[in-house]
N, C-alpha and C. Protein backbone atom coordinates (compact mmCIF):
# COMPACT_ATOMS: atom_id res chain seq x y z
N UNK A 1 35.99 100.66 94.78
CA UNK A 1 37.03 100.44 95.77
C UNK A 1 37.90 101.70 95.87
N UNK A 2 38.20 102.08 97.09
CA UNK A 2 38.99 103.28 97.33
C UNK A 2 40.43 103.07 96.87
N UNK A 3 40.98 104.10 96.30
CA UNK A 3 42.39 104.08 95.90
C UNK A 3 43.23 104.46 97.11
N UNK A 4 44.37 103.80 97.25
CA UNK A 4 45.29 104.12 98.33
C UNK A 4 46.71 104.07 97.80
N UNK A 5 47.61 104.70 98.52
CA UNK A 5 49.03 104.64 98.17
C UNK A 5 49.77 103.93 99.30
N UNK A 6 50.96 103.44 98.97
CA UNK A 6 51.81 102.83 99.99
C UNK A 6 53.25 103.23 99.73
N UNK A 7 54.12 102.92 100.67
CA UNK A 7 55.51 103.38 100.61
C UNK A 7 56.30 102.77 99.46
N UNK A 8 55.82 101.69 98.89
CA UNK A 8 56.54 101.02 97.82
C UNK A 8 56.15 101.50 96.42
N UNK A 9 55.20 102.42 96.36
CA UNK A 9 54.76 102.94 95.06
C UNK A 9 55.77 103.93 94.51
N UNK A 10 55.95 103.89 93.20
CA UNK A 10 56.78 104.86 92.49
C UNK A 10 56.00 106.18 92.45
N UNK A 11 56.69 107.28 92.64
CA UNK A 11 56.02 108.58 92.69
C UNK A 11 55.19 108.83 91.43
N UNK A 12 55.73 108.50 90.28
CA UNK A 12 54.99 108.72 89.04
C UNK A 12 53.70 107.89 89.00
N UNK A 13 53.70 106.71 89.62
CA UNK A 13 52.47 105.90 89.70
C UNK A 13 51.42 106.60 90.56
N UNK A 14 51.89 107.20 91.64
CA UNK A 14 50.96 107.90 92.52
C UNK A 14 50.32 109.08 91.80
N UNK A 15 51.09 109.78 91.01
CA UNK A 15 50.56 110.93 90.28
C UNK A 15 49.58 110.51 89.20
N UNK A 16 49.71 109.28 88.71
CA UNK A 16 48.74 108.76 87.75
C UNK A 16 47.40 108.47 88.42
N UNK A 17 47.44 108.12 89.70
CA UNK A 17 46.21 107.90 90.45
C UNK A 17 45.45 109.21 90.57
N UNK A 18 46.18 110.27 90.92
CA UNK A 18 45.56 111.60 91.09
C UNK A 18 46.67 112.65 91.07
N UNK A 19 46.62 113.54 90.10
CA UNK A 19 47.65 114.57 89.98
C UNK A 19 47.65 115.54 91.17
N UNK A 20 46.54 115.59 91.90
CA UNK A 20 46.46 116.49 93.06
C UNK A 20 47.30 115.98 94.23
N UNK A 21 47.91 114.81 94.10
CA UNK A 21 48.85 114.33 95.10
C UNK A 21 50.12 115.19 95.05
N UNK A 22 50.44 115.75 93.90
CA UNK A 22 51.65 116.56 93.74
C UNK A 22 51.73 117.70 94.75
N UNK A 23 50.68 118.50 94.92
CA UNK A 23 50.77 119.58 95.91
C UNK A 23 50.95 119.08 97.34
N UNK A 24 50.39 117.92 97.65
CA UNK A 24 50.56 117.34 98.99
C UNK A 24 52.04 117.04 99.22
N UNK A 25 52.67 116.43 98.23
CA UNK A 25 54.10 116.12 98.33
C UNK A 25 54.93 117.39 98.41
N UNK A 26 54.58 118.37 97.61
CA UNK A 26 55.35 119.61 97.57
C UNK A 26 55.22 120.38 98.90
N UNK A 27 54.04 120.39 99.49
CA UNK A 27 53.87 121.06 100.80
C UNK A 27 54.69 120.37 101.88
N UNK A 28 54.99 119.11 101.69
CA UNK A 28 55.80 118.36 102.67
C UNK A 28 57.29 118.58 102.48
N UNK A 29 57.67 119.29 101.41
CA UNK A 29 59.08 119.57 101.16
C UNK A 29 59.68 118.77 100.03
N UNK A 30 58.87 118.01 99.34
CA UNK A 30 59.34 117.20 98.23
C UNK A 30 59.06 117.97 96.92
N UNK A 31 60.02 118.80 96.52
CA UNK A 31 59.80 119.70 95.39
C UNK A 31 60.26 119.15 94.05
N UNK A 32 60.87 117.99 94.04
CA UNK A 32 61.41 117.47 92.78
C UNK A 32 60.59 116.30 92.25
N UNK A 33 59.29 116.33 92.47
CA UNK A 33 58.46 115.18 92.09
C UNK A 33 58.33 114.99 90.59
N UNK A 34 58.65 115.99 89.82
CA UNK A 34 58.56 115.85 88.37
C UNK A 34 59.93 115.62 87.72
N UNK A 35 60.96 115.48 88.55
CA UNK A 35 62.30 115.24 88.00
C UNK A 35 62.41 113.78 87.55
N UNK A 36 63.41 113.46 86.76
CA UNK A 36 63.55 112.08 86.26
C UNK A 36 63.64 111.03 87.37
N UNK A 37 64.16 111.38 88.51
CA UNK A 37 64.25 110.41 89.61
C UNK A 37 62.88 109.94 90.05
N UNK A 38 61.88 110.78 89.94
CA UNK A 38 60.53 110.43 90.36
C UNK A 38 59.96 109.29 89.52
N UNK A 39 60.55 109.06 88.37
CA UNK A 39 60.10 107.96 87.52
C UNK A 39 60.58 106.62 88.03
N UNK A 40 61.56 106.64 88.95
CA UNK A 40 62.15 105.40 89.44
C UNK A 40 62.15 105.27 90.96
N UNK A 41 61.92 106.35 91.69
CA UNK A 41 61.99 106.33 93.15
C UNK A 41 60.65 105.95 93.78
N UNK A 42 60.72 105.13 94.82
CA UNK A 42 59.52 104.86 95.59
C UNK A 42 59.27 106.04 96.53
N UNK A 43 58.08 106.09 97.06
CA UNK A 43 57.76 107.14 98.01
C UNK A 43 58.68 107.05 99.22
N UNK A 44 58.95 105.84 99.67
CA UNK A 44 59.83 105.65 100.82
C UNK A 44 61.24 106.16 100.53
N UNK A 45 61.77 105.87 99.35
CA UNK A 45 63.12 106.33 98.99
C UNK A 45 63.17 107.85 98.92
N UNK A 46 62.18 108.44 98.27
CA UNK A 46 62.16 109.90 98.14
C UNK A 46 62.00 110.57 99.49
N UNK A 47 61.16 110.02 100.34
CA UNK A 47 60.98 110.59 101.67
C UNK A 47 62.28 110.54 102.47
N UNK A 48 62.99 109.43 102.36
CA UNK A 48 64.26 109.28 103.09
C UNK A 48 65.27 110.33 102.62
N UNK A 49 65.36 110.56 101.32
CA UNK A 49 66.29 111.54 100.77
C UNK A 49 65.98 112.93 101.29
N UNK A 50 64.70 113.23 101.45
CA UNK A 50 64.27 114.55 101.87
C UNK A 50 64.08 114.67 103.38
N UNK A 51 64.33 113.59 104.12
CA UNK A 51 64.18 113.64 105.57
C UNK A 51 62.74 113.79 106.02
N UNK A 52 61.82 113.18 105.28
CA UNK A 52 60.39 113.29 105.57
C UNK A 52 59.89 111.93 106.07
N UNK A 53 59.01 111.95 107.05
CA UNK A 53 58.41 110.73 107.57
C UNK A 53 57.45 110.15 106.52
N UNK A 54 57.78 108.99 105.98
CA UNK A 54 56.98 108.39 104.92
C UNK A 54 55.57 108.06 105.40
N UNK A 55 55.43 107.66 106.65
CA UNK A 55 54.10 107.34 107.17
C UNK A 55 53.22 108.58 107.25
N UNK A 56 53.81 109.72 107.57
CA UNK A 56 53.07 110.98 107.59
C UNK A 56 52.52 111.28 106.18
N UNK A 57 53.36 111.09 105.17
CA UNK A 57 52.94 111.32 103.79
C UNK A 57 51.82 110.36 103.38
N UNK A 58 52.01 109.09 103.68
CA UNK A 58 51.02 108.08 103.31
C UNK A 58 49.68 108.40 103.94
N UNK A 59 49.69 108.73 105.23
CA UNK A 59 48.45 109.06 105.93
C UNK A 59 47.76 110.26 105.31
N UNK A 60 48.52 111.29 105.00
CA UNK A 60 47.94 112.48 104.40
C UNK A 60 47.37 112.24 103.01
N UNK A 61 48.11 111.52 102.20
CA UNK A 61 47.66 111.24 100.83
C UNK A 61 46.43 110.33 100.86
N UNK A 62 46.46 109.30 101.68
CA UNK A 62 45.31 108.40 101.73
C UNK A 62 44.09 109.07 102.32
N UNK A 63 44.28 109.98 103.26
CA UNK A 63 43.15 110.76 103.80
C UNK A 63 42.53 111.61 102.70
N UNK A 64 43.38 112.25 101.89
CA UNK A 64 42.90 113.06 100.76
C UNK A 64 42.10 112.17 99.78
N UNK A 65 42.65 111.01 99.43
CA UNK A 65 41.98 110.13 98.47
C UNK A 65 40.64 109.61 99.02
N UNK A 66 40.62 109.28 100.31
CA UNK A 66 39.37 108.80 100.93
C UNK A 66 38.31 109.90 100.95
N UNK A 67 38.74 111.13 101.27
CA UNK A 67 37.78 112.25 101.29
C UNK A 67 37.24 112.53 99.90
N UNK A 68 38.08 112.37 98.92
CA UNK A 68 37.66 112.62 97.54
C UNK A 68 36.62 111.59 97.10
N UNK A 69 36.80 110.35 97.54
CA UNK A 69 35.86 109.29 97.20
C UNK A 69 34.52 109.53 97.89
N UNK A 70 34.59 110.24 99.03
CA UNK A 70 33.43 110.68 99.77
C UNK A 70 32.64 109.62 100.41
């Protein structure tokens, strides 16, 4: 079964799925993904703080995960 992320996932949970999600987040402007807040913030909360469209992030991350599954 393919792995996917959603807006309610904690950032640290997403990184446990695949550490290569980190560069995707960082390219989007989310540079504090390894800070203590990432242990408690959902993707939606972090995106809101950084002014990033959460759906854009979800689509990009899930596309990466689907391509990796091949």
